[in-house]
Every structure is written in structure tokens, then in C-alpha cells.
Amino acid sequence: MYNSDLIECHNRIKPYIHNTPVLTSSQIDRISGAKLYFKCENFQRMGAFKMRGATNAILQLTDEQKSRGVVTHSSGNFAQALALAAKSVGIKAYIVMPSNAPQVKKDAVKGYQSIIVECEPTLEARQRSAAKIEQERGATFIHPSNNIDVILGQGTACKELIELYPDLDIIITPVGGGGLIAGTAVATANSGKDITVIGAEPFEADDAYRSLISGKIETNITTNTIADGLKTQLGDVNFPIIKRYVSTIIRVTEPEIVSAMHLIWERMKIVVEPSSAVAMAAILKNSNLLRGKKTGVIMSGGNVDLSKLPF
């Protein structure tokens, strides 16, 4: 599924993205009982994997669409990604951001010369504000996760990881809107390898976990999580991919997320944001499931407000 599209996507975006490094840690391997390979998208341009999908979506627009600009709604990382991607190709971007989005992410969007429109911190308000800009400005709406061009772009992180380590048993990613795990699923499905895809999600925003069980898209009951990038929910484009190819989703608590984030900072000496640490938290929580397995971990991003560290 989407094999040629994924290859074309990767070739298309290569001039605009980093092929990020894969790091290992013997200390964390001993703690987890698994052999872990961390695909460090915290070293990606603008600090997160979302640069991949945003770039691919923009490069697929017509010249007429580019002339009118793009619009999205995002709590932070996709906002930055679309802003930088738009700047890279010289088009205008309107970014709808909730008023409680981390200041570090708002500052980054402004730094990429995009136009920020703040709204109330609800999905309905975000969608309403983006639709208004789309109507008034003629801008093309690009969804942060429920867009096949975005999904394929996100999948290139996993594609690069498998090309480097084709003998992986498992790949685990955080789950928010579903774009990263759906892209990862596409990449593994087309790799010709027998790789299990696992998701990781906070208990406080566990719509994907419940959706996988019920077989239909569930909504978040709460979004009271430190993992601000995972507060969004699945969509009708990515969920069928997730339902078909994702093995399971592991839920973690807020203290487990903070502990995993602290471990990564302390032992690996790299900056990851709470959303990224959710995958590590799931590994630590389910060490028996992963024991002895070669496991790829998509480190989704590193955009942290250093004035609000949880430790």
C-alpha cells in the first residue's frame, strides 16, 4: 500500500529535510532489556518529525494554491513545520494556535515569518478559526495528521530507520493525531520485513487506544497531559491504516512520561519533549513484551519550553 508514493515522497522532500541520526544507549538497553535504536527526529529541522509531512504536502500544491498560501491548526510542532516549509518554498502560512500552546513554539512560528491566529484551546475553536481563514483568504488547509501527503511524509522517518537497520523486530512511536504511526505503518508494510508496529499514548489522551479496541474513531475524554503534542485525535484517513497495521497501543501515566523524559535527558544527553518520551515510557512499562527484541523508537521531537521542565 502506497509503496511507490512513499518512495516518491522521500525523494521529493530530501532536499528540505535532515536524514536524522539513529542513536543507541547501552545503559538504557540494560534498563529496558531490549536493544533500542532511537531515530532522533528531535534533530530534524524545526525540531520534530513533522517537517517531513508538512514539506511533502506543500510541495504537492499547484502554483495557484501556493500563491494563496496555506493554513493549519496546531498546538505547536506542525505549526512550526508548516511555517518553515512554507518559508522554504516562499509561500504564506497562516497558523491557528491554541492560546495555551507553549510559548517556545509560538516564538518559533513567528521566527519563520508565519501569521499566528490564536484561538480558544478546543478542537472546535481550532477548526472554526482555520475554516474562516480558508474561506476569507483562499488558503489551502493542510491537516496536521489526517492528510495522506502528510502521513507519507511522516513515514519517511521510519523508512530511513529500516534502511539502516532492516532486522528490527518492533518499531514504537507516540500517538497523537495519528500521522506518525500511520506513516510508520505504511513504511513497515512496504519494507518486506516482519516488523510489529506499536503505539504509545498517555492515559490522559487515550483516544487511539480505545479506537483500536472499538474499531471506530473515539474522542478524547480528557487532554490533561504534559505531552502537549498528543492531545489531538485520529482521523478518517489515518485510522484505517492504523486499524489494519498497528499491533497494539500502550498507555502510560504522567509520572511515567516524566520519568522516561528524565532518563533520556540524563543518560543520552539529548533534549526530547514529553510527547517524544511517551514511547520510552511505554518501553519501560512493558519490558517483558520487548525483552530481547531489536526495537526502533521514533523520537518524535525536542521542542521544549526550558522554563517549564517537569524535573
C-alpha atoms as a PDB file:
ATOM      1  CA  MET A   1       0.000   0.000   0.000  1.00  0.00           C
ATOM      2  CA  TYR A   2       1.343   3.414  -1.087  1.00  0.00           C
ATOM      3  CA  ASN A   3       4.815   1.935  -1.779  1.00  0.00           C
ATOM      4  CA  SER A   4       5.612   3.987  -4.894  1.00  0.00           C
ATOM      5  CA  ASP A   5       4.021   7.060  -3.288  1.00  0.00           C
ATOM      6  CA  LEU A   6       6.286   6.686  -0.245  1.00  0.00           C
ATOM      7  CA  ILE A   7       9.410   6.374  -2.392  1.00  0.00           C
ATOM      8  CA  GLU A   8       8.445   9.399  -4.499  1.00  0.00           C
ATOM      9  CA  CYS A   9       7.638  11.365  -1.354  1.00  0.00           C
ATOM     10  CA  HIS A  10      11.040  10.595   0.173  1.00  0.00           C
ATOM     11  CA  ASN A  11      12.872  11.656  -2.979  1.00  0.00           C
ATOM     12  CA  ARG A  12      10.764  14.828  -3.172  1.00  0.00           C
ATOM     13  CA  ILE A  13      11.472  16.053   0.359  1.00  0.00           C
ATOM     14  CA  LYS A  14      15.129  15.016   0.718  1.00  0.00           C
ATOM     15  CA  PRO A  15      16.489  18.471  -0.250  1.00  0.00           C
ATOM     16  CA  TYR A  16      14.406  20.077   2.527  1.00  0.00           C
ATOM     17  CA  ILE A  17      14.892  17.693   5.483  1.00  0.00           C
ATOM     18  CA  HIS A  18      17.637  16.057   7.532  1.00  0.00           C
ATOM     19  CA  ASN A  19      18.267  12.329   7.445  1.00  0.00           C
ATOM     20  CA  THR A  20      18.386  12.270  11.225  1.00  0.00           C
ATOM     21  CA  PRO A  21      20.821  10.103  13.193  1.00  0.00           C
ATOM     22  CA  VAL A  22      19.998   6.849  14.945  1.00  0.00           C
ATOM     23  CA  LEU A  23      21.449   6.671  18.460  1.00  0.00           C
ATOM     24  CA  THR A  24      21.846   3.776  20.860  1.00  0.00           C
ATOM     25  CA  SER A  25      22.461   3.606  24.599  1.00  0.00           C
ATOM     26  CA  SER A  26      23.911   0.522  26.288  1.00  0.00           C
ATOM     27  CA  GLN A  27      22.720   1.852  29.658  1.00  0.00           C
ATOM     28  CA  ILE A  28      19.115   2.211  28.530  1.00  0.00           C
ATOM     29  CA  ASP A  29      19.306  -1.183  26.816  1.00  0.00           C
ATOM     30  CA  ARG A  30      20.242  -2.728  30.162  1.00  0.00           C
ATOM     31  CA  ILE A  31      17.411  -0.911  31.938  1.00  0.00           C
ATOM     32  CA  SER A  32      14.797  -1.861  29.321  1.00  0.00           C
ATOM     33  CA  GLY A  33      16.033  -5.361  28.489  1.00  0.00           C
ATOM     34  CA  ALA A  34      15.707  -4.579  24.773  1.00  0.00           C
ATOM     35  CA  LYS A  35      18.121  -3.461  22.074  1.00  0.00           C
ATOM     36  CA  LEU A  36      16.877   0.027  21.222  1.00  0.00           C
ATOM     37  CA  TYR A  37      17.558   2.144  18.153  1.00  0.00           C
ATOM     38  CA  PHE A  38      16.444   5.745  18.599  1.00  0.00           C
ATOM     39  CA  LYS A  39      15.555   7.572  15.375  1.00  0.00           C
ATOM     40  CA  CYS A  40      16.235  11.108  16.580  1.00  0.00           C
ATOM     41  CA  GLU A  41      13.711  13.389  14.930  1.00  0.00           C
ATOM     42  CA  ASN A  42      14.455  15.879  17.700  1.00  0.00           C
ATOM     43  CA  PHE A  43      17.418  16.720  15.417  1.00  0.00           C
ATOM     44  CA  GLN A  44      15.117  17.322  12.442  1.00  0.00           C
ATOM     45  CA  ARG A  45      14.718  20.837  11.013  1.00  0.00           C
ATOM     46  CA  MET A  46      12.424  22.809  13.383  1.00  0.00           C
ATOM     47  CA  GLY A  47      12.992  20.058  15.940  1.00  0.00           C
ATOM     48  CA  ALA A  48      10.407  17.408  15.053  1.00  0.00           C
ATOM     49  CA  PHE A  49       9.370  14.760  12.523  1.00  0.00           C
ATOM     50  CA  LYS A  50       6.518  16.939  11.316  1.00  0.00           C
ATOM     51  CA  MET A  51       8.826  18.831   8.984  1.00  0.00           C
ATOM     52  CA  ARG A  52       8.649  15.791   6.724  1.00  0.00           C
ATOM     53  CA  GLY A  53       4.887  15.706   6.245  1.00  0.00           C
ATOM     54  CA  ALA A  54       4.480  19.474   6.057  1.00  0.00           C
ATOM     55  CA  THR A  55       7.121  19.706   3.340  1.00  0.00           C
ATOM     56  CA  ASN A  56       5.592  16.927   1.267  1.00  0.00           C
ATOM     57  CA  ALA A  57       2.108  18.423   1.488  1.00  0.00           C
ATOM     58  CA  ILE A  58       3.293  21.865   0.404  1.00  0.00           C
ATOM     59  CA  LEU A  59       5.365  20.506  -2.486  1.00  0.00           C
ATOM     60  CA  GLN A  60       2.242  18.734  -3.798  1.00  0.00           C
ATOM     61  CA  LEU A  61       0.295  22.002  -4.169  1.00  0.00           C
ATOM     62  CA  THR A  62      -0.354  23.638  -7.519  1.00  0.00           C
ATOM     63  CA  ASP A  63       1.218  27.007  -8.322  1.00  0.00           C
ATOM     64  CA  GLU A  64      -2.194  28.616  -7.923  1.00  0.00           C
ATOM     65  CA  GLN A  65      -2.627  27.096  -4.461  1.00  0.00           C
ATOM     66  CA  LYS A  66       0.860  28.198  -3.464  1.00  0.00           C
ATOM     67  CA  SER A  67       0.035  31.765  -4.473  1.00  0.00           C
ATOM     68  CA  ARG A  68      -2.814  31.839  -1.926  1.00  0.00           C
ATOM     69  CA  GLY A  69      -0.849  30.258   0.892  1.00  0.00           C
ATOM     70  CA  VAL A  70      -1.653  27.512   3.387  1.00  0.00           C
ATOM     71  CA  VAL A  71      -3.413  27.296   6.733  1.00  0.00           C
ATOM     72  CA  THR A  72      -3.379  24.749   9.545  1.00  0.00           C
ATOM     73  CA  HIS A  73      -4.227  24.436  13.220  1.00  0.00           C
ATOM     74  CA  SER A  74      -1.672  23.015  15.617  1.00  0.00           C
ATOM     75  CA  SER A  75      -0.586  23.110  19.251  1.00  0.00           C
ATOM     76  CA  GLY A  76       2.981  23.586  18.199  1.00  0.00           C
ATOM     77  CA  ASN A  77       5.135  21.193  16.201  1.00  0.00           C
ATOM     78  CA  PHE A  78       3.094  21.053  13.000  1.00  0.00           C
ATOM     79  CA  ALA A  79       2.653  24.807  13.293  1.00  0.00           C
ATOM     80  CA  GLN A  80       6.420  25.192  13.213  1.00  0.00           C
ATOM     81  CA  ALA A  81       6.811  22.582  10.491  1.00  0.00           C
ATOM     82  CA  LEU A  82       4.311  24.163   8.110  1.00  0.00           C
ATOM     83  CA  ALA A  83       5.703  27.614   8.849  1.00  0.00           C
ATOM     84  CA  LEU A  84       9.264  26.563   7.998  1.00  0.00           C
ATOM     85  CA  ALA A  85       8.205  24.504   4.993  1.00  0.00           C
ATOM     86  CA  ALA A  86       6.223  27.464   3.655  1.00  0.00           C
ATOM     87  CA  LYS A  87       9.171  29.767   4.189  1.00  0.00           C
ATOM     88  CA  SER A  88      11.462  27.291   2.424  1.00  0.00           C
ATOM     89  CA  VAL A  89       9.389  27.458  -0.765  1.00  0.00           C
ATOM     90  CA  GLY A  90       8.411  31.114  -0.427  1.00  0.00           C
ATOM     91  CA  ILE A  91       4.690  30.953   0.299  1.00  0.00           C
ATOM     92  CA  LYS A  92       2.495  32.466   3.029  1.00  0.00           C
ATOM     93  CA  ALA A  93       1.320  30.390   6.004  1.00  0.00           C
ATOM     94  CA  TYR A  94      -1.492  31.105   8.478  1.00  0.00           C
ATOM     95  CA  ILE A  95      -1.150  29.130  11.700  1.00  0.00           C
ATOM     96  CA  VAL A  96      -4.070  28.737  14.114  1.00  0.00           C
ATOM     97  CA  MET A  97      -2.668  28.003  17.580  1.00  0.00           C
ATOM     98  CA  PRO A  98      -4.497  27.476  20.883  1.00  0.00           C
ATOM     99  CA  SER A  99      -3.877  30.232  23.393  1.00  0.00           C
ATOM    100  CA  ASN A 100      -2.219  27.774  25.781  1.00  0.00           C
ATOM    101  CA  ALA A 101       0.334  26.480  23.258  1.00  0.00           C
ATOM    102  CA  PRO A 102       3.916  26.557  24.615  1.00  0.00           C
ATOM    103  CA  GLN A 103       5.478  29.972  24.138  1.00  0.00           C
ATOM    104  CA  VAL A 104       8.640  28.404  22.711  1.00  0.00           C
ATOM    105  CA  LYS A 105       6.551  27.011  19.845  1.00  0.00           C
ATOM    106  CA  LYS A 106       4.732  30.295  19.244  1.00  0.00           C
ATOM    107  CA  ASP A 107       8.066  32.102  19.129  1.00  0.00           C
ATOM    108  CA  ALA A 108       9.422  29.614  16.615  1.00  0.00           C
ATOM    109  CA  VAL A 109       6.409  30.070  14.303  1.00  0.00           C
ATOM    110  CA  LYS A 110       6.876  33.839  14.433  1.00  0.00           C
ATOM    111  CA  GLY A 111      10.555  33.335  13.687  1.00  0.00           C
ATOM    112  CA  TYR A 112       9.613  31.517  10.487  1.00  0.00           C
ATOM    113  CA  GLN A 113       7.602  34.603   9.479  1.00  0.00           C
ATOM    114  CA  SER A 114       4.189  32.975   9.521  1.00  0.00           C
ATOM    115  CA  ILE A 115       0.967  34.632  10.686  1.00  0.00           C
ATOM    116  CA  ILE A 116      -0.340  33.304  14.012  1.00  0.00           C
ATOM    117  CA  VAL A 117      -4.062  33.386  14.790  1.00  0.00           C
ATOM    118  CA  GLU A 118      -4.761  32.434  18.414  1.00  0.00           C
ATOM    119  CA  CYS A 119      -7.966  30.690  19.465  1.00  0.00           C
ATOM    120  CA  GLU A 120      -9.530  29.002  22.482  1.00  0.00           C
ATOM    121  CA  PRO A 121      -7.843  25.693  23.384  1.00  0.00           C
ATOM    122  CA  THR A 122     -10.538  23.426  21.951  1.00  0.00           C
ATOM    123  CA  LEU A 123     -10.587  21.380  18.765  1.00  0.00           C
ATOM    124  CA  GLU A 124     -13.822  23.069  17.691  1.00  0.00           C
ATOM    125  CA  ALA A 125     -12.276  26.539  18.031  1.00  0.00           C
ATOM    126  CA  ARG A 126      -9.205  25.477  16.079  1.00  0.00           C
ATOM    127  CA  GLN A 127     -11.267  24.059  13.243  1.00  0.00           C
ATOM    128  CA  ARG A 128     -13.577  27.074  13.147  1.00  0.00           C
ATOM    129  CA  SER A 129     -10.679  29.559  13.001  1.00  0.00           C
ATOM    130  CA  ALA A 130      -8.871  27.612  10.275  1.00  0.00           C
ATOM    131  CA  ALA A 131     -12.057  27.329   8.187  1.00  0.00           C
ATOM    132  CA  LYS A 132     -12.585  31.087   8.424  1.00  0.00           C
ATOM    133  CA  ILE A 133      -9.082  31.782   7.081  1.00  0.00           C
ATOM    134  CA  GLU A 134      -9.561  29.190   4.365  1.00  0.00           C
ATOM    135  CA  GLN A 135     -12.747  30.920   3.253  1.00  0.00           C
ATOM    136  CA  GLU A 136     -11.573  34.510   3.558  1.00  0.00           C
ATOM    137  CA  ARG A 137      -8.007  34.157   2.253  1.00  0.00           C
ATOM    138  CA  GLY A 138      -8.393  31.241  -0.148  1.00  0.00           C
ATOM    139  CA  ALA A 139      -5.578  29.432   1.652  1.00  0.00           C
ATOM    140  CA  THR A 140      -5.305  25.655   1.303  1.00  0.00           C
ATOM    141  CA  PHE A 141      -5.971  23.817   4.555  1.00  0.00           C
ATOM    142  CA  ILE A 142      -3.371  21.191   5.446  1.00  0.00           C
ATOM    143  CA  HIS A 143      -4.363  18.942   8.315  1.00  0.00           C
ATOM    144  CA  PRO A 144      -1.536  18.126  10.737  1.00  0.00           C
ATOM    145  CA  SER A 145      -2.162  14.376  10.653  1.00  0.00           C
ATOM    146  CA  ASN A 146      -5.251  13.369   8.665  1.00  0.00           C
ATOM    147  CA  ASN A 147      -3.833  14.049   5.200  1.00  0.00           C
ATOM    148  CA  ILE A 148      -2.249  11.334   3.073  1.00  0.00           C
ATOM    149  CA  ASP A 149       0.591  13.590   1.836  1.00  0.00           C
ATOM    150  CA  VAL A 150       1.413  14.424   5.461  1.00  0.00           C
ATOM    151  CA  ILE A 151       1.172  10.759   6.503  1.00  0.00           C
ATOM    152  CA  LEU A 152       3.552   9.647   3.753  1.00  0.00           C
ATOM    153  CA  GLY A 153       6.000  12.378   4.694  1.00  0.00           C
ATOM    154  CA  GLN A 154       5.989  11.249   8.320  1.00  0.00           C
ATOM    155  CA  GLY A 155       6.568   7.685   7.182  1.00  0.00           C
ATOM    156  CA  THR A 156       9.936   8.583   5.693  1.00  0.00           C
ATOM    157  CA  ALA A 157      11.464   8.692   9.196  1.00  0.00           C
ATOM    158  CA  CYS A 158      10.653   5.004   9.623  1.00  0.00           C
ATOM    159  CA  LYS A 159      11.774   4.278   6.046  1.00  0.00           C
ATOM    160  CA  GLU A 160      15.213   5.719   6.830  1.00  0.00           C
ATOM    161  CA  LEU A 161      15.393   3.728  10.066  1.00  0.00           C
ATOM    162  CA  ILE A 162      14.567   0.420   8.346  1.00  0.00           C
ATOM    163  CA  GLU A 163      17.061   1.111   5.563  1.00  0.00           C
ATOM    164  CA  LEU A 164      19.754   1.447   8.228  1.00  0.00           C
ATOM    165  CA  TYR A 165      18.529  -1.405  10.473  1.00  0.00           C
ATOM    166  CA  PRO A 166      16.457  -3.832   8.372  1.00  0.00           C
ATOM    167  CA  ASP A 167      16.415  -6.555  11.044  1.00  0.00           C
ATOM    168  CA  LEU A 168      14.252  -4.700  13.570  1.00  0.00           C
ATOM    169  CA  ASP A 169      11.547  -6.707  15.317  1.00  0.00           C
ATOM    170  CA  ILE A 170       9.424  -3.801  16.577  1.00  0.00           C
ATOM    171  CA  ILE A 171       9.015  -0.083  15.937  1.00  0.00           C
ATOM    172  CA  ILE A 172       7.269   2.066  18.536  1.00  0.00           C
ATOM    173  CA  THR A 173       6.016   5.629  18.128  1.00  0.00           C
ATOM    174  CA  PRO A 174       3.996   8.122  20.158  1.00  0.00           C
ATOM    175  CA  VAL A 175       0.379   8.553  19.056  1.00  0.00           C
ATOM    176  CA  GLY A 176      -1.391  11.908  18.902  1.00  0.00           C
ATOM    177  CA  GLY A 177      -3.274  12.765  15.749  1.00  0.00           C
ATOM    178  CA  GLY A 178      -2.141   9.515  14.153  1.00  0.00           C
ATOM    179  CA  GLY A 179       0.011  10.835  11.307  1.00  0.00           C
ATOM    180  CA  LEU A 180       3.325   9.468  12.591  1.00  0.00           C
ATOM    181  CA  ILE A 181       2.112   5.993  13.498  1.00  0.00           C
ATOM    182  CA  ALA A 182       0.114   5.697  10.259  1.00  0.00           C
ATOM    183  CA  GLY A 183       3.172   6.745   8.245  1.00  0.00           C
ATOM    184  CA  THR A 184       5.295   4.312  10.227  1.00  0.00           C
ATOM    185  CA  ALA A 185       2.785   1.568   9.488  1.00  0.00           C
ATOM    186  CA  VAL A 186       2.917   2.330   5.752  1.00  0.00           C
ATOM    187  CA  ALA A 187       6.718   2.231   5.795  1.00  0.00           C
ATOM    188  CA  THR A 188       6.885  -1.073   7.660  1.00  0.00           C
ATOM    189  CA  ALA A 189       4.173  -2.637   5.499  1.00  0.00           C
ATOM    190  CA  ASN A 190       6.192  -1.818   2.395  1.00  0.00           C
ATOM    191  CA  SER A 191       9.573  -2.823   3.816  1.00  0.00           C
ATOM    192  CA  GLY A 192       9.226  -6.511   3.080  1.00  0.00           C
ATOM    193  CA  LYS A 193      10.177  -7.156   6.703  1.00  0.00           C
ATOM    194  CA  ASP A 194       8.179  -8.711   9.524  1.00  0.00           C
ATOM    195  CA  ILE A 195       8.137  -5.691  11.847  1.00  0.00           C
ATOM    196  CA  THR A 196       5.499  -5.101  14.514  1.00  0.00           C
ATOM    197  CA  VAL A 197       4.248  -1.523  14.938  1.00  0.00           C
ATOM    198  CA  ILE A 198       3.289  -0.437  18.469  1.00  0.00           C
ATOM    199  CA  GLY A 199       1.893   2.910  19.599  1.00  0.00           C
ATOM    200  CA  ALA A 200       2.358   4.721  22.904  1.00  0.00           C
ATOM    201  CA  GLU A 201      -0.196   7.131  24.337  1.00  0.00           C
ATOM    202  CA  PRO A 202      -0.948   8.941  27.613  1.00  0.00           C
ATOM    203  CA  PHE A 203      -3.841   7.655  29.714  1.00  0.00           C
ATOM    204  CA  GLU A 204      -4.995  11.287  29.759  1.00  0.00           C
ATOM    205  CA  ALA A 205      -5.473  11.344  25.966  1.00  0.00           C
ATOM    206  CA  ASP A 206      -6.102   7.715  25.047  1.00  0.00           C
ATOM    207  CA  ASP A 207      -8.498   8.000  22.116  1.00  0.00           C
ATOM    208  CA  ALA A 208      -6.300   5.845  19.847  1.00  0.00           C
ATOM    209  CA  TYR A 209      -6.138   3.029  22.411  1.00  0.00           C
ATOM    210  CA  ARG A 210      -9.919   2.984  22.702  1.00  0.00           C
ATOM    211  CA  SER A 211     -10.398   3.377  18.951  1.00  0.00           C
ATOM    212  CA  LEU A 212      -8.261   0.324  18.230  1.00  0.00           C
ATOM    213  CA  ILE A 213     -10.405  -1.700  20.638  1.00  0.00           C
ATOM    214  CA  SER A 214     -13.801  -0.457  19.434  1.00  0.00           C
ATOM    215  CA  GLY A 215     -12.918  -0.384  15.746  1.00  0.00           C
ATOM    216  CA  LYS A 216     -14.211   3.178  15.342  1.00  0.00           C
ATOM    217  CA  ILE A 217     -12.775   6.625  15.997  1.00  0.00           C
ATOM    218  CA  GLU A 218     -13.215   7.593  19.625  1.00  0.00           C
ATOM    219  CA  THR A 219     -12.810  11.084  21.058  1.00  0.00           C
ATOM    220  CA  ASN A 220     -10.603  12.157  23.929  1.00  0.00           C
ATOM    221  CA  ILE A 221     -12.396  12.272  27.259  1.00  0.00           C
ATOM    222  CA  THR A 222      -9.567  14.338  28.767  1.00  0.00           C
ATOM    223  CA  THR A 223      -6.428  16.026  27.447  1.00  0.00           C
ATOM    224  CA  ASN A 224      -4.848  16.733  30.817  1.00  0.00           C
ATOM    225  CA  THR A 225      -1.365  15.550  29.820  1.00  0.00           C
ATOM    226  CA  ILE A 226       2.120  17.010  29.850  1.00  0.00           C
ATOM    227  CA  ALA A 227       2.513  15.549  26.347  1.00  0.00           C
ATOM    228  CA  ASP A 228       1.019  18.595  24.643  1.00  0.00           C
ATOM    229  CA  GLY A 229       1.688  17.249  21.150  1.00  0.00           C
ATOM    230  CA  LEU A 230      -0.543  14.216  21.755  1.00  0.00           C
ATOM    231  CA  LYS A 231      -3.786  15.970  22.678  1.00  0.00           C
ATOM    232  CA  THR A 232      -5.300  15.666  19.201  1.00  0.00           C
ATOM    233  CA  GLN A 233      -7.265  12.680  17.915  1.00  0.00           C
ATOM    234  CA  LEU A 234      -7.325  10.272  14.999  1.00  0.00           C
ATOM    235  CA  GLY A 235      -8.946  10.996  11.651  1.00  0.00           C
ATOM    236  CA  ASP A 236     -10.738   9.099   8.909  1.00  0.00           C
ATOM    237  CA  VAL A 237      -7.660   8.997   6.660  1.00  0.00           C
ATOM    238  CA  ASN A 238      -5.121   7.665   9.145  1.00  0.00           C
ATOM    239  CA  PHE A 239      -7.346   5.443  11.288  1.00  0.00           C
ATOM    240  CA  PRO A 240      -7.976   2.746   8.628  1.00  0.00           C
ATOM    241  CA  ILE A 241      -4.195   2.433   8.224  1.00  0.00           C
ATOM    242  CA  ILE A 242      -3.695   2.240  11.989  1.00  0.00           C
ATOM    243  CA  LYS A 243      -6.504  -0.300  12.400  1.00  0.00           C
ATOM    244  CA  ARG A 244      -5.015  -2.544   9.726  1.00  0.00           C
ATOM    245  CA  TYR A 245      -1.318  -2.413  10.599  1.00  0.00           C
ATOM    246  CA  VAL A 246      -0.808  -1.379  14.240  1.00  0.00           C
ATOM    247  CA  SER A 247      -0.488  -4.259  16.685  1.00  0.00           C
ATOM    248  CA  THR A 248      -1.304  -2.521  19.951  1.00  0.00           C
ATOM    249  CA  ILE A 249      -1.185   0.798  21.789  1.00  0.00           C
ATOM    250  CA  ILE A 250       0.353   1.041  25.247  1.00  0.00           C
ATOM    251  CA  ARG A 251      -0.931   3.674  27.669  1.00  0.00           C
ATOM    252  CA  VAL A 252       1.319   5.430  30.190  1.00  0.00           C
ATOM    253  CA  THR A 253       0.764   7.707  33.181  1.00  0.00           C
ATOM    254  CA  GLU A 254       2.004  11.261  33.609  1.00  0.00           C
ATOM    255  CA  PRO A 255       4.702  10.269  36.174  1.00  0.00           C
ATOM    256  CA  GLU A 256       5.891   7.547  33.772  1.00  0.00           C
ATOM    257  CA  ILE A 257       6.250  10.112  30.985  1.00  0.00           C
ATOM    258  CA  VAL A 258       8.260  12.465  33.186  1.00  0.00           C
ATOM    259  CA  SER A 259      10.482   9.621  34.403  1.00  0.00           C
ATOM    260  CA  ALA A 260      11.192   8.472  30.834  1.00  0.00           C
ATOM    261  CA  MET A 261      11.953  12.019  29.714  1.00  0.00           C
ATOM    262  CA  HIS A 262      14.355  12.426  32.639  1.00  0.00           C
ATOM    263  CA  LEU A 263      16.078   9.138  31.765  1.00  0.00           C
ATOM    264  CA  ILE A 264      16.646  10.173  28.149  1.00  0.00           C
ATOM    265  CA  TRP A 265      17.997  13.582  29.115  1.00  0.00           C
ATOM    266  CA  GLU A 266      20.248  12.090  31.803  1.00  0.00           C
ATOM    267  CA  ARG A 267      21.606   9.000  30.034  1.00  0.00           C
ATOM    268  CA  MET A 268      21.558  10.020  26.353  1.00  0.00           C
ATOM    269  CA  LYS A 269      22.364  13.711  26.841  1.00  0.00           C
ATOM    270  CA  ILE A 270      19.766  14.784  24.294  1.00  0.00           C
ATOM    271  CA  VAL A 271      16.725  17.064  24.517  1.00  0.00           C
ATOM    272  CA  VAL A 272      13.338  15.445  23.908  1.00  0.00           C
ATOM    273  CA  GLU A 273       9.908  16.824  24.655  1.00  0.00           C
ATOM    274  CA  PRO A 274       7.323  14.988  26.795  1.00  0.00           C
ATOM    275  CA  SER A 275       5.400  13.716  23.758  1.00  0.00           C
ATOM    276  CA  SER A 276       8.561  12.064  22.477  1.00  0.00           C
ATOM    277  CA  ALA A 277       9.273  10.475  25.865  1.00  0.00           C
ATOM    278  CA  VAL A 278       5.908   8.683  25.808  1.00  0.00           C
ATOM    279  CA  ALA A 279       7.400   5.958  23.597  1.00  0.00           C
ATOM    280  CA  MET A 280      10.247   5.391  26.057  1.00  0.00           C
ATOM    281  CA  ALA A 281       7.750   5.297  28.923  1.00  0.00           C
ATOM    282  CA  ALA A 282       5.834   2.531  27.149  1.00  0.00           C
ATOM    283  CA  ILE A 283       9.022   0.528  26.678  1.00  0.00           C
ATOM    284  CA  LEU A 284       9.927   0.782  30.349  1.00  0.00           C
ATOM    285  CA  LYS A 285       6.389  -0.148  31.374  1.00  0.00           C
ATOM    286  CA  ASN A 286       6.284  -3.240  29.165  1.00  0.00           C
ATOM    287  CA  SER A 287       9.822  -4.559  29.347  1.00  0.00           C
ATOM    288  CA  ASN A 288       8.637  -8.189  29.159  1.00  0.00           C
ATOM    289  CA  LEU A 289       6.937  -7.534  25.822  1.00  0.00           C
ATOM    290  CA  LEU A 290      10.112  -6.078  24.328  1.00  0.00           C
ATOM    291  CA  ARG A 291      12.775  -8.114  26.143  1.00  0.00           C
ATOM    292  CA  GLY A 292      15.498  -9.226  23.762  1.00  0.00           C
ATOM    293  CA  LYS A 293      13.781  -7.555  20.798  1.00  0.00           C
ATOM    294  CA  LYS A 294      15.509  -5.193  18.384  1.00  0.00           C
ATOM    295  CA  THR A 295      13.254  -2.172  18.742  1.00  0.00           C
ATOM    296  CA  GLY A 296      13.204   1.046  16.759  1.00  0.00           C
ATOM    297  CA  VAL A 297      11.965   4.093  18.645  1.00  0.00           C
ATOM    298  CA  ILE A 298      10.826   7.194  16.781  1.00  0.00           C
ATOM    299  CA  MET A 299      11.946  10.105  18.969  1.00  0.00           C
ATOM    300  CA  SER A 300       9.346  12.487  17.647  1.00  0.00           C
ATOM    301  CA  GLY A 301      10.668  15.890  18.727  1.00  0.00           C
ATOM    302  CA  GLY A 302      12.646  18.087  21.051  1.00  0.00           C
ATOM    303  CA  ASN A 303      10.807  21.397  21.258  1.00  0.00           C
ATOM    304  CA  VAL A 304      10.747  22.034  24.984  1.00  0.00           C
ATOM    305  CA  ASP A 305       9.956  25.170  26.952  1.00  0.00           C
ATOM    306  CA  LEU A 306      13.039  25.140  29.187  1.00  0.00           C
ATOM    307  CA  SER A 307      11.313  27.394  31.715  1.00  0.00           C
ATOM    308  CA  LYS A 308       8.720  24.659  32.358  1.00  0.00           C
ATOM    309  CA  LEU A 309      10.742  21.477  32.701  1.00  0.00           C
ATOM    310  CA  PRO A 310       8.954  18.816  34.806  1.00  0.00           C
ATOM    311  CA  PHE A 311      12.146  17.933  36.697  1.00  0.00           C
END
